[in-house]
Protein backbone atom coordinates (compact mmCIF):
# COMPACT_ATOMS: atom_id res chain seq x y z
CA MET A 1 -15.01 39.97 16.39
CA GLN A 2 -15.25 43.73 15.89
CA LEU A 3 -13.49 45.70 18.57
CA THR A 4 -14.76 49.07 19.77
CA ASP A 5 -12.69 51.87 21.25
CA ASN A 6 -13.62 50.69 24.73
CA GLU A 7 -12.40 47.16 24.10
CA CYS A 8 -8.79 47.72 25.00
CA MET A 9 -6.39 45.52 26.91
CA ASP A 10 -4.79 46.69 30.10
CA PRO A 11 -2.10 49.14 28.90
CA GLU A 12 -0.09 48.48 32.04
CA TRP A 13 1.04 45.10 30.76
CA PHE A 14 0.11 44.71 27.10
CA ASN A 15 -1.95 46.29 24.36
CA PHE A 16 -2.77 44.20 21.31
CA SER A 17 -6.15 45.62 20.28
CA ASP A 18 -4.83 47.79 17.43
CA ASP A 19 -3.05 44.79 15.90
CA VAL A 20 -6.22 42.70 16.13
CA LYS A 21 -8.11 45.46 14.34
CA ILE A 22 -5.56 45.33 11.52
CA PHE A 23 -6.13 41.59 11.07
CA TRP A 24 -9.89 42.15 11.18
CA GLN A 25 -9.57 44.55 8.24
CA PHE A 26 -7.51 42.15 6.11
CA SER A 27 -9.00 41.27 2.73
CA TRP A 28 -9.01 37.59 1.80
CA PRO A 29 -6.06 37.98 -0.61
CA GLN A 30 -4.15 39.57 2.27
CA TRP A 31 -5.14 36.71 4.55
CA ILE A 32 -3.92 34.17 1.99
CA ILE A 33 -0.55 35.89 1.63
CA PHE A 34 -0.19 36.34 5.40
CA SER A 35 -1.13 32.73 6.09
CA PHE A 36 1.36 31.23 3.65
CA LEU A 37 4.22 33.57 4.57
CA SER A 38 3.74 33.08 8.31
CA ASN A 39 3.63 29.29 8.01
CA ILE A 40 6.71 29.25 5.80
CA PHE A 41 8.47 31.37 8.42
CA LEU A 42 7.40 29.01 11.23
CA CYS A 43 8.69 26.02 9.28
CA LEU A 44 12.05 27.72 8.68
CA PHE A 45 12.17 28.72 12.36
CA SER A 46 11.69 25.07 13.37
CA ILE A 47 14.43 23.91 10.98
CA GLY A 48 16.78 26.62 12.24
CA LEU A 49 16.08 25.76 15.89
CA TYR A 50 16.72 22.07 15.21
CA GLN A 51 20.03 22.79 13.50
CA PHE A 52 21.10 25.20 16.24
CA ILE A 53 20.47 22.67 19.02
CA GLU A 54 22.13 19.88 17.05
CA LYS A 55 25.28 21.96 16.63
CA THR A 56 25.44 23.33 20.19
CA CYS A 57 24.16 20.43 22.31
CA ARG A 58 26.98 18.23 23.64
CA LYS A 59 24.80 15.30 24.72
CA GLU A 60 25.16 11.94 23.05
CA GLN A 61 22.83 11.07 20.20
CA LEU A 62 19.81 8.97 21.13
CA GLN A 63 20.29 6.94 17.96
CA GLU A 64 23.51 6.39 16.06
CA HIS A 65 22.46 8.21 12.89
CA ASN A 66 19.90 10.81 11.89
CA HIS A 67 17.33 9.75 9.34
CA PRO A 68 18.54 10.73 5.85
CA VAL A 69 16.77 13.69 4.30
CA THR A 70 14.96 12.68 1.12
CA ARG A 71 13.22 14.53 -1.65
CA SER A 72 9.87 13.13 -0.53
CA ASP A 73 10.52 14.64 2.93
CA PHE A 74 10.81 18.08 1.37
CA TYR A 75 7.62 17.60 -0.64
CA LEU A 76 5.69 16.45 2.42
CA CYS A 77 7.11 19.36 4.41
CA LEU A 78 5.80 21.81 1.81
CA LEU A 79 2.43 20.05 1.79
CA THR A 80 2.26 20.32 5.60
CA VAL A 81 2.97 24.05 5.37
CA PHE A 82 0.18 24.35 2.79
CA CYS A 83 -2.27 22.45 5.01
CA ASN A 84 -1.35 24.55 8.05
CA SER A 85 -2.03 27.64 5.95
CA LEU A 86 -5.47 26.31 5.05
CA VAL A 87 -6.22 25.70 8.73
CA MET A 88 -5.20 29.28 9.53
CA LEU A 89 -7.47 30.56 6.79
CA LEU A 90 -10.34 28.47 8.15
CA GLY A 91 -9.66 29.94 11.59
CA ALA A 92 -9.79 33.46 10.13
CA PHE A 93 -13.10 32.60 8.43
CA LEU A 94 -14.59 31.32 11.69
CA TRP A 95 -13.36 34.42 13.50
CA LYS A 96 -14.76 36.80 10.88
CA ASN A 97 -18.11 35.03 11.14
CA HIS A 98 -18.14 35.22 14.96
CA LEU A 99 -17.81 31.47 15.45
CA ILE A 100 -14.48 32.08 17.17
CA ILE A 101 -14.55 34.93 19.68
CA LEU A 102 -11.33 36.39 21.05
CA ASP A 103 -11.11 37.79 24.56
CA ALA A 104 -10.23 41.44 24.02
CA GLU A 105 -9.34 42.21 27.64
CA PRO A 106 -7.22 39.39 29.04
CA SER A 107 -5.23 39.74 32.22
CA ALA A 108 -1.73 38.35 32.56
CA VAL A 109 -3.13 35.62 34.82
CA SER A 110 -5.84 34.64 32.35
CA VAL A 111 -3.32 34.44 29.49
CA PHE A 112 -1.11 32.15 31.59
CA LEU A 113 -4.01 29.91 32.66
CA GLU A 114 -5.46 29.76 29.14
CA THR A 115 -2.08 28.76 27.71
CA ILE A 116 -1.73 25.96 30.27
CA ALA A 117 -5.32 24.87 29.56
CA LEU A 118 -4.65 24.72 25.81
CA ILE A 119 -1.52 22.63 26.38
CA LEU A 120 -3.29 20.12 28.65
CA LEU A 121 -6.49 19.91 26.59
CA MET A 122 -4.59 19.48 23.33
CA ASP A 123 -2.31 16.91 24.96
CA PHE A 124 -5.42 14.93 25.95
CA LEU A 125 -6.98 15.17 22.47
CA MET A 126 -3.71 14.47 20.69
CA TYR A 127 -3.13 11.33 22.74
CA PHE A 128 -6.34 9.75 21.39
CA PHE A 129 -5.82 11.20 17.92
CA HIS A 130 -2.31 9.73 17.85
CA TYR A 131 -3.51 6.42 19.28
CA ALA A 132 -6.18 6.24 16.57
CA ALA A 133 -3.52 6.96 13.93
CA HIS A 134 -1.84 3.71 14.97
CA LEU A 135 -4.87 1.54 14.29
CA PRO A 136 -3.71 -0.86 11.53
CA LEU A 137 -5.72 0.51 8.59
CA VAL A 138 -5.26 4.18 9.56
CA TYR A 139 -1.57 3.62 10.18
CA LYS A 140 -1.07 2.02 6.78
CA ILE A 141 -2.86 4.82 4.93
CA LEU A 142 -1.95 7.89 6.97
CA HIS A 143 0.65 7.62 9.71
CA GLY A 144 3.12 5.06 8.40
CA LYS A 145 5.11 7.61 6.42
CA HIS A 146 5.98 9.54 9.57
CA HIS A 147 7.28 6.34 11.19
CA GLU A 148 9.62 5.63 8.33
CA HIS A 149 11.68 8.08 10.38
CA VAL A 150 12.76 5.55 13.02
CA SER A 151 15.49 8.05 13.76
CA THR A 152 14.73 11.68 12.98
CA ASN A 153 15.97 14.69 11.04
CA PHE A 154 15.12 18.39 10.86
CA LEU A 155 12.06 17.72 8.66
CA SER A 156 10.58 14.82 10.67
CA LEU A 157 8.10 17.09 12.47
CA PHE A 158 6.61 18.08 9.10
CA VAL A 159 6.60 14.64 7.46
CA LEU A 160 2.88 14.06 7.93
CA HIS A 161 -0.09 12.98 5.86
CA PRO A 162 -2.30 15.99 5.00
CA PHE A 163 -5.22 14.46 6.91
CA GLU A 164 -3.07 14.34 10.06
CA THR A 165 -2.11 18.00 9.70
CA ILE A 166 -5.67 19.10 9.06
CA GLY A 167 -7.01 16.86 11.84
CA PHE A 168 -4.62 18.46 14.32
CA GLY A 169 -5.70 21.91 13.15
CA LEU A 170 -9.40 21.07 13.43
CA MET A 171 -8.90 20.00 17.05
CA ILE A 172 -7.38 23.38 17.86
CA LEU A 173 -10.20 25.22 16.07
CA ALA A 174 -12.79 23.17 17.95
CA LEU A 175 -11.26 24.30 21.25
CA LEU A 176 -11.14 27.92 20.10
CA MET A 177 -14.84 27.74 19.22
CA SER A 178 -15.71 26.39 22.66
CA TYR A 179 -14.16 29.18 24.73
CA ASP A 180 -13.14 32.82 24.25
CA PHE A 181 -9.37 32.53 24.42
CA SER A 182 -7.19 35.60 23.96
CA ILE A 183 -4.97 36.06 20.93
CA LEU A 184 -1.98 36.06 23.27
CA SER A 185 -2.73 32.67 24.84
CA ILE A 186 -3.37 31.20 21.37
CA SER A 187 -0.10 32.64 20.07
CA PHE A 188 1.87 31.39 23.07
CA TYR A 189 0.36 27.93 22.72
CA LEU A 190 1.15 27.70 19.00
CA LEU A 191 4.74 28.83 19.60
CA ILE A 192 5.18 26.30 22.41
CA ASN A 193 3.68 23.61 20.18
CA LEU A 194 6.16 24.35 17.40
CA ILE A 195 9.17 24.47 19.73
CA TRP A 196 8.04 21.32 21.57
CA GLY A 197 7.52 19.45 18.32
CA THR A 198 10.97 20.48 17.12
CA ILE A 199 12.63 19.43 20.37
CA GLY A 200 10.65 16.19 20.42
CA HIS A 201 12.12 15.19 17.06
CA LEU A 202 15.75 15.88 17.94
CA ASN A 203 18.20 13.01 18.07
CA ARG A 204 19.59 14.27 21.38
CA GLU A 205 17.86 14.56 24.74
CA PHE A 206 17.17 18.24 25.27
CA PHE A 207 15.64 18.05 28.75
CA PRO A 208 17.37 17.17 32.04
CA ALA A 209 16.80 13.54 33.06
CA SER A 210 14.80 14.70 36.09
CA PHE A 211 12.05 16.09 33.84
CA ASP A 212 10.75 12.59 33.22
CA HIS A 213 9.69 12.45 36.89
CA PHE A 214 7.60 15.58 36.34
CA LEU A 215 5.53 13.86 33.61
CA VAL A 216 7.11 15.96 30.85
CA GLY A 217 7.06 14.53 27.32
CA THR A 218 10.81 14.73 26.81
CA THR A 219 12.82 14.17 23.64
CA LYS A 220 13.70 10.65 24.76
CA PHE A 221 10.02 10.00 25.51
CA HIS A 222 9.03 10.71 21.89
CA ASN A 223 12.15 9.05 20.51
CA GLN A 224 11.05 5.86 22.26
CA HIS A 225 7.76 6.13 20.36
CA HIS A 226 9.63 6.11 17.06
CA LEU A 227 11.46 2.98 18.24
CA ASP A 228 8.36 1.27 19.68
CA GLU A 229 5.23 2.41 17.85
CA ASN A 230 2.87 1.02 20.51
CA ARG A 231 4.17 3.20 23.32
CA ASN A 232 4.33 6.90 24.26
CA PHE A 233 1.48 8.44 22.26
CA GLY A 234 1.46 11.67 24.29
CA PHE A 235 3.08 14.88 23.12
CA TYR A 236 3.62 17.51 25.81
CA THR A 237 3.27 15.15 28.78
CA SER A 238 3.43 11.46 29.66
CA ILE A 239 0.28 11.72 31.82
CA TRP A 240 -2.09 9.85 29.51
CA ASP A 241 0.40 7.12 28.63
CA ARG A 242 0.99 6.44 32.31
CA LEU A 243 -2.75 6.49 32.97
CA PHE A 244 -3.72 4.19 30.07
CA GLY A 245 -0.75 1.83 30.25
CA THR A 246 1.12 2.83 27.11
CA TYR A 247 4.10 4.46 28.82
CA ARG A 248 7.66 3.37 28.15
CA PRO A 249 10.54 5.13 29.97
């Protein structure tokens, strides 16, 4: 997407057009460096957030012990960061070739609604993607490693098979190709996704107990999935598990 001088966001609330122009002008070596550095930063942010909550939260642990951190966890974490970087590069390629179009003039309302839409649509897609990952053959080849973490640790979110990481990324890119989201709504969604994934893999309930009644995919909700692999496939919400009979409180 090539922005013109007239394609400016409302200056009264936000102006991001100049920054988008900078990204548009990136060379591919610059994109590669930016992609890897930003994904390393996001991984470190997740680890730091996990450790901060673990040290400051006074709630009882959901399970008696955290999963021990192993060398293979670190290797898989680095591989996940690499795969996320590849997905970002693919997204940049699709954008540069006009297969992903960014809304250059979003309103505050549209950014809010788009962010909510991305959360709900991805929650729907991820439910079925996650359910499929638990089919016996797929589970044995791809998803079983993640479930070795019956309890969790600060790397559990990133202990994934590369095909899972890339599959998740391709679902996001498919949505971005289907509608002209703004860079702000995409950024907010990705930040929420990272924070939610980090909180979901804590060993302490982060949310108030009442949140379960509001269909929120709480920490306990996902922790129950690690204890019972045939329940609670949702991520942000428990809507689809309740609807399709896979919910466990």
